[in-house]
Amino acid sequence: MKKTADRFEELAACVRELHSYEVPEIVAVPIVQGTPDYLEWIRRETAPERGE
């Protein structure tokens, strides 16, 4: 899953709640480089929706 750093805890809580593993792998990985079109796609896809 992809989320912005400020939404990490929200995502981690959701994974812990829904995952069957006792200790699921929940990690954050920085994006060091990427193609402009992919980085733009990430920005759009992880933007909070209006009303959230």
PDB file of N, CA and C in Angstrom:
ATOM      1  N   MET A   1       0.840  -1.171   0.000  1.00  0.00           N
ATOM      2  CA  MET A   1       0.000   0.000   0.000  1.00  0.00           C
ATOM      3  C   MET A   1       0.881   1.229   0.000  1.00  0.00           C
ATOM      4  N   LYS A   2       0.345   2.261  -0.555  1.00  0.00           N
ATOM      5  CA  LYS A   2       1.094   3.513  -0.614  1.00  0.00           C
ATOM      6  C   LYS A   2       0.301   4.598   0.111  1.00  0.00           C
ATOM      7  N   LYS A   3       0.954   5.259   1.012  1.00  0.00           N
ATOM      8  CA  LYS A   3       0.381   6.402   1.728  1.00  0.00           C
ATOM      9  C   LYS A   3       1.491   7.395   1.988  1.00  0.00           C
ATOM     10  N   THR A   4       1.132   8.609   2.258  1.00  0.00           N
ATOM     11  CA  THR A   4       2.126   9.610   2.617  1.00  0.00           C
ATOM     12  C   THR A   4       2.570   9.373   4.060  1.00  0.00           C
ATOM     13  N   ALA A   5       3.735   9.906   4.413  1.00  0.00           N
ATOM     14  CA  ALA A   5       4.302   9.689   5.748  1.00  0.00           C
ATOM     15  C   ALA A   5       3.356  10.137   6.855  1.00  0.00           C
ATOM     16  N   ASP A   6       2.628  11.204   6.619  1.00  0.00           N
ATOM     17  CA  ASP A   6       1.730  11.700   7.667  1.00  0.00           C
ATOM     18  C   ASP A   6       0.535  10.776   7.906  1.00  0.00           C
ATOM     19  N   ARG A   7       0.312   9.797   7.047  1.00  0.00           N
ATOM     20  CA  ARG A   7      -0.802   8.853   7.229  1.00  0.00           C
ATOM     21  C   ARG A   7      -0.314   7.446   7.604  1.00  0.00           C
ATOM     22  N   PHE A   8       0.995   7.315   7.946  1.00  0.00           N
ATOM     23  CA  PHE A   8       1.571   6.009   8.275  1.00  0.00           C
ATOM     24  C   PHE A   8       0.849   5.344   9.443  1.00  0.00           C
ATOM     25  N   GLU A   9       0.671   6.043  10.539  1.00  0.00           N
ATOM     26  CA  GLU A   9       0.043   5.443  11.729  1.00  0.00           C
ATOM     27  C   GLU A   9      -1.382   4.977  11.438  1.00  0.00           C
ATOM     28  N   GLU A  10      -2.107   5.744  10.656  1.00  0.00           N
ATOM     29  CA  GLU A  10      -3.466   5.377  10.261  1.00  0.00           C
ATOM     30  C   GLU A  10      -3.453   4.063   9.481  1.00  0.00           C
ATOM     31  N   LEU A  11      -2.540   3.958   8.533  1.00  0.00           N
ATOM     32  CA  LEU A  11      -2.426   2.741   7.738  1.00  0.00           C
ATOM     33  C   LEU A  11      -1.965   1.574   8.600  1.00  0.00           C
ATOM     34  N   ALA A  12      -0.961   1.790   9.451  1.00  0.00           N
ATOM     35  CA  ALA A  12      -0.452   0.720  10.310  1.00  0.00           C
ATOM     36  C   ALA A  12      -1.558   0.171  11.218  1.00  0.00           C
ATOM     37  N   ALA A  13      -2.369   1.036  11.775  1.00  0.00           N
ATOM     38  CA  ALA A  13      -3.470   0.593  12.633  1.00  0.00           C
ATOM     39  C   ALA A  13      -4.462  -0.259  11.853  1.00  0.00           C
ATOM     40  N   CYS A  14      -4.751   0.138  10.636  1.00  0.00           N
ATOM     41  CA  CYS A  14      -5.676  -0.617   9.794  1.00  0.00           C
ATOM     42  C   CYS A  14      -5.113  -2.005   9.475  1.00  0.00           C
ATOM     43  N   VAL A  15      -3.836  -2.068   9.126  1.00  0.00           N
ATOM     44  CA  VAL A  15      -3.204  -3.356   8.812  1.00  0.00           C
ATOM     45  C   VAL A  15      -3.227  -4.261  10.034  1.00  0.00           C
ATOM     46  N   ARG A  16      -2.861  -3.725  11.199  1.00  0.00           N
ATOM     47  CA  ARG A  16      -2.871  -4.532  12.431  1.00  0.00           C
ATOM     48  C   ARG A  16      -4.262  -5.083  12.714  1.00  0.00           C
ATOM     49  N   GLU A  17      -5.272  -4.286  12.494  1.00  0.00           N
ATOM     50  CA  GLU A  17      -6.649  -4.693  12.769  1.00  0.00           C
ATOM     51  C   GLU A  17      -7.118  -5.792  11.816  1.00  0.00           C
ATOM     52  N   LEU A  18      -6.748  -5.706  10.549  1.00  0.00           N
ATOM     53  CA  LEU A  18      -7.285  -6.601   9.539  1.00  0.00           C
ATOM     54  C   LEU A  18      -6.403  -7.809   9.221  1.00  0.00           C
ATOM     55  N   HIS A  19      -5.116  -7.747   9.534  1.00  0.00           N
ATOM     56  CA  HIS A  19      -4.184  -8.804   9.141  1.00  0.00           C
ATOM     57  C   HIS A  19      -4.243  -9.970  10.115  1.00  0.00           C
ATOM     58  N   SER A  20      -4.096 -11.175   9.600  1.00  0.00           N
ATOM     59  CA  SER A  20      -4.158 -12.366  10.449  1.00  0.00           C
ATOM     60  C   SER A  20      -2.832 -12.664  11.154  1.00  0.00           C
ATOM     61  N   TYR A  21      -1.713 -12.094  10.696  1.00  0.00           N
ATOM     62  CA  TYR A  21      -0.425 -12.360  11.335  1.00  0.00           C
ATOM     63  C   TYR A  21      -0.359 -11.687  12.702  1.00  0.00           C
ATOM     64  N   GLU A  22       0.332 -12.338  13.633  1.00  0.00           N
ATOM     65  CA  GLU A  22       0.530 -11.744  14.948  1.00  0.00           C
ATOM     66  C   GLU A  22       1.368 -10.467  14.837  1.00  0.00           C
ATOM     67  N   VAL A  23       2.394 -10.516  13.980  1.00  0.00           N
ATOM     68  CA  VAL A  23       3.252  -9.355  13.752  1.00  0.00           C
ATOM     69  C   VAL A  23       3.388  -9.155  12.238  1.00  0.00           C
ATOM     70  N   PRO A  24       2.454  -8.415  11.628  1.00  0.00           N
ATOM     71  CA  PRO A  24       2.565  -8.185  10.183  1.00  0.00           C
ATOM     72  C   PRO A  24       3.727  -7.240   9.863  1.00  0.00           C
ATOM     73  N   GLU A  25       4.270  -7.379   8.669  1.00  0.00           N
ATOM     74  CA  GLU A  25       5.342  -6.479   8.239  1.00  0.00           C
ATOM     75  C   GLU A  25       4.727  -5.146   7.825  1.00  0.00           C
ATOM     76  N   ILE A  26       5.043  -4.120   8.584  1.00  0.00           N
ATOM     77  CA  ILE A  26       4.569  -2.770   8.297  1.00  0.00           C
ATOM     78  C   ILE A  26       5.801  -1.877   8.314  1.00  0.00           C
ATOM     79  N   VAL A  27       6.218  -1.428   7.151  1.00  0.00           N
ATOM     80  CA  VAL A  27       7.423  -0.617   7.054  1.00  0.00           C
ATOM     81  C   VAL A  27       7.169   0.593   6.169  1.00  0.00           C
ATOM     82  N   ALA A  28       7.978   1.608   6.372  1.00  0.00           N
ATOM     83  CA  ALA A  28       7.942   2.794   5.515  1.00  0.00           C
ATOM     84  C   ALA A  28       9.250   2.830   4.734  1.00  0.00           C
ATOM     85  N   VAL A  29       9.147   3.088   3.449  1.00  0.00           N
ATOM     86  CA  VAL A  29      10.307   3.131   2.574  1.00  0.00           C
ATOM     87  C   VAL A  29      10.319   4.485   1.866  1.00  0.00           C
ATOM     88  N   PRO A  30      11.404   5.229   1.995  1.00  0.00           N
ATOM     89  CA  PRO A  30      11.455   6.524   1.303  1.00  0.00           C
ATOM     90  C   PRO A  30      11.632   6.335  -0.195  1.00  0.00           C
ATOM     91  N   ILE A  31      11.041   7.209  -0.953  1.00  0.00           N
ATOM     92  CA  ILE A  31      11.263   7.227  -2.400  1.00  0.00           C
ATOM     93  C   ILE A  31      12.444   8.143  -2.647  1.00  0.00           C
ATOM     94  N   VAL A  32      13.507   7.576  -3.162  1.00  0.00           N
ATOM     95  CA  VAL A  32      14.721   8.329  -3.411  1.00  0.00           C
ATOM     96  C   VAL A  32      14.703   8.936  -4.807  1.00  0.00           C
ATOM     97  N   GLN A  33      14.223   8.167  -5.772  1.00  0.00           N
ATOM     98  CA  GLN A  33      14.113   8.647  -7.140  1.00  0.00           C
ATOM     99  C   GLN A  33      12.938   7.956  -7.808  1.00  0.00           C
ATOM    100  N   GLY A  34      12.467   8.557  -8.873  1.00  0.00           N
ATOM    101  CA  GLY A  34      11.400   7.966  -9.657  1.00  0.00           C
ATOM    102  C   GLY A  34      11.169   8.784 -10.910  1.00  0.00           C
ATOM    103  N   THR A  35      10.497   8.174 -11.868  1.00  0.00           N
ATOM    104  CA  THR A  35      10.185   8.923 -13.077  1.00  0.00           C
ATOM    105  C   THR A  35       9.104   9.950 -12.756  1.00  0.00           C
ATOM    106  N   PRO A  36       9.128  11.079 -13.423  1.00  0.00           N
ATOM    107  CA  PRO A  36       8.151  12.129 -13.121  1.00  0.00           C
ATOM    108  C   PRO A  36       6.698  11.655 -13.226  1.00  0.00           C
ATOM    109  N   ASP A  37       6.380  10.844 -14.227  1.00  0.00           N
ATOM    110  CA  ASP A  37       4.994  10.402 -14.366  1.00  0.00           C
ATOM    111  C   ASP A  37       4.576   9.483 -13.220  1.00  0.00           C
ATOM    112  N   TYR A  38       5.476   8.615 -12.761  1.00  0.00           N
ATOM    113  CA  TYR A  38       5.142   7.734 -11.635  1.00  0.00           C
ATOM    114  C   TYR A  38       5.003   8.530 -10.345  1.00  0.00           C
ATOM    115  N   LEU A  39       5.914   9.465 -10.106  1.00  0.00           N
ATOM    116  CA  LEU A  39       5.829  10.277  -8.898  1.00  0.00           C
ATOM    117  C   LEU A  39       4.544  11.109  -8.868  1.00  0.00           C
ATOM    118  N   GLU A  40       4.124  11.586 -10.018  1.00  0.00           N
ATOM    119  CA  GLU A  40       2.861  12.329 -10.094  1.00  0.00           C
ATOM    120  C   GLU A  40       1.689  11.408  -9.800  1.00  0.00           C
ATOM    121  N   TRP A  41       1.744  10.187 -10.314  1.00  0.00           N
ATOM    122  CA  TRP A  41       0.686   9.212 -10.046  1.00  0.00           C
ATOM    123  C   TRP A  41       0.597   8.924  -8.545  1.00  0.00           C
ATOM    124  N   ILE A  42       1.755   8.725  -7.908  1.00  0.00           N
ATOM    125  CA  ILE A  42       1.786   8.502  -6.457  1.00  0.00           C
ATOM    126  C   ILE A  42       1.140   9.682  -5.728  1.00  0.00           C
ATOM    127  N   ARG A  43       1.517  10.903  -6.121  1.00  0.00           N
ATOM    128  CA  ARG A  43       0.963  12.097  -5.470  1.00  0.00           C
ATOM    129  C   ARG A  43      -0.551  12.121  -5.568  1.00  0.00           C
ATOM    130  N   ARG A  44      -1.074  11.851  -6.770  1.00  0.00           N
ATOM    131  CA  ARG A  44      -2.525  11.848  -6.969  1.00  0.00           C
ATOM    132  C   ARG A  44      -3.224  10.740  -6.182  1.00  0.00           C
ATOM    133  N   GLU A  45      -2.658   9.549  -6.234  1.00  0.00           N
ATOM    134  CA  GLU A  45      -3.292   8.387  -5.616  1.00  0.00           C
ATOM    135  C   GLU A  45      -3.274   8.406  -4.099  1.00  0.00           C
ATOM    136  N   THR A  46      -2.318   9.126  -3.505  1.00  0.00           N
ATOM    137  CA  THR A  46      -2.222   9.149  -2.047  1.00  0.00           C
ATOM    138  C   THR A  46      -2.783  10.434  -1.449  1.00  0.00           C
ATOM    139  N   ALA A  47      -3.280  11.328  -2.275  1.00  0.00           N
ATOM    140  CA  ALA A  47      -3.863  12.576  -1.758  1.00  0.00           C
ATOM    141  C   ALA A  47      -5.155  12.245  -1.004  1.00  0.00           C
ATOM    142  N   PRO A  48      -5.330  12.851   0.167  1.00  0.00           N
ATOM    143  CA  PRO A  48      -6.589  12.629   0.881  1.00  0.00           C
ATOM    144  C   PRO A  48      -7.771  13.079   0.030  1.00  0.00           C
ATOM    145  N   GLU A  49      -8.819  12.322   0.094  1.00  0.00           N
ATOM    146  CA  GLU A  49     -10.015  12.708  -0.648  1.00  0.00           C
ATOM    147  C   GLU A  49     -10.705  13.834   0.081  1.00  0.00           C
ATOM    148  N   ARG A  50     -11.412  14.636  -0.653  1.00  0.00           N
ATOM    149  CA  ARG A  50     -12.143  15.746  -0.036  1.00  0.00           C
ATOM    150  C   ARG A  50     -13.124  15.188   0.982  1.00  0.00           C
ATOM    151  N   GLY A  51     -13.189  15.835   2.133  1.00  0.00           N
ATOM    152  CA  GLY A  51     -14.102  15.412   3.176  1.00  0.00           C
ATOM    153  C   GLY A  51     -13.481  14.446   4.169  1.00  0.00           C
ATOM    154  N   GLU A  52     -12.232  14.026   3.943  1.00  0.00           N
ATOM    155  CA  GLU A  52     -11.585  13.127   4.911  1.00  0.00           C
ATOM    156  C   GLU A  52     -11.065  13.894   6.071  1.00  0.00           C
TER     157      GLU A  52
END
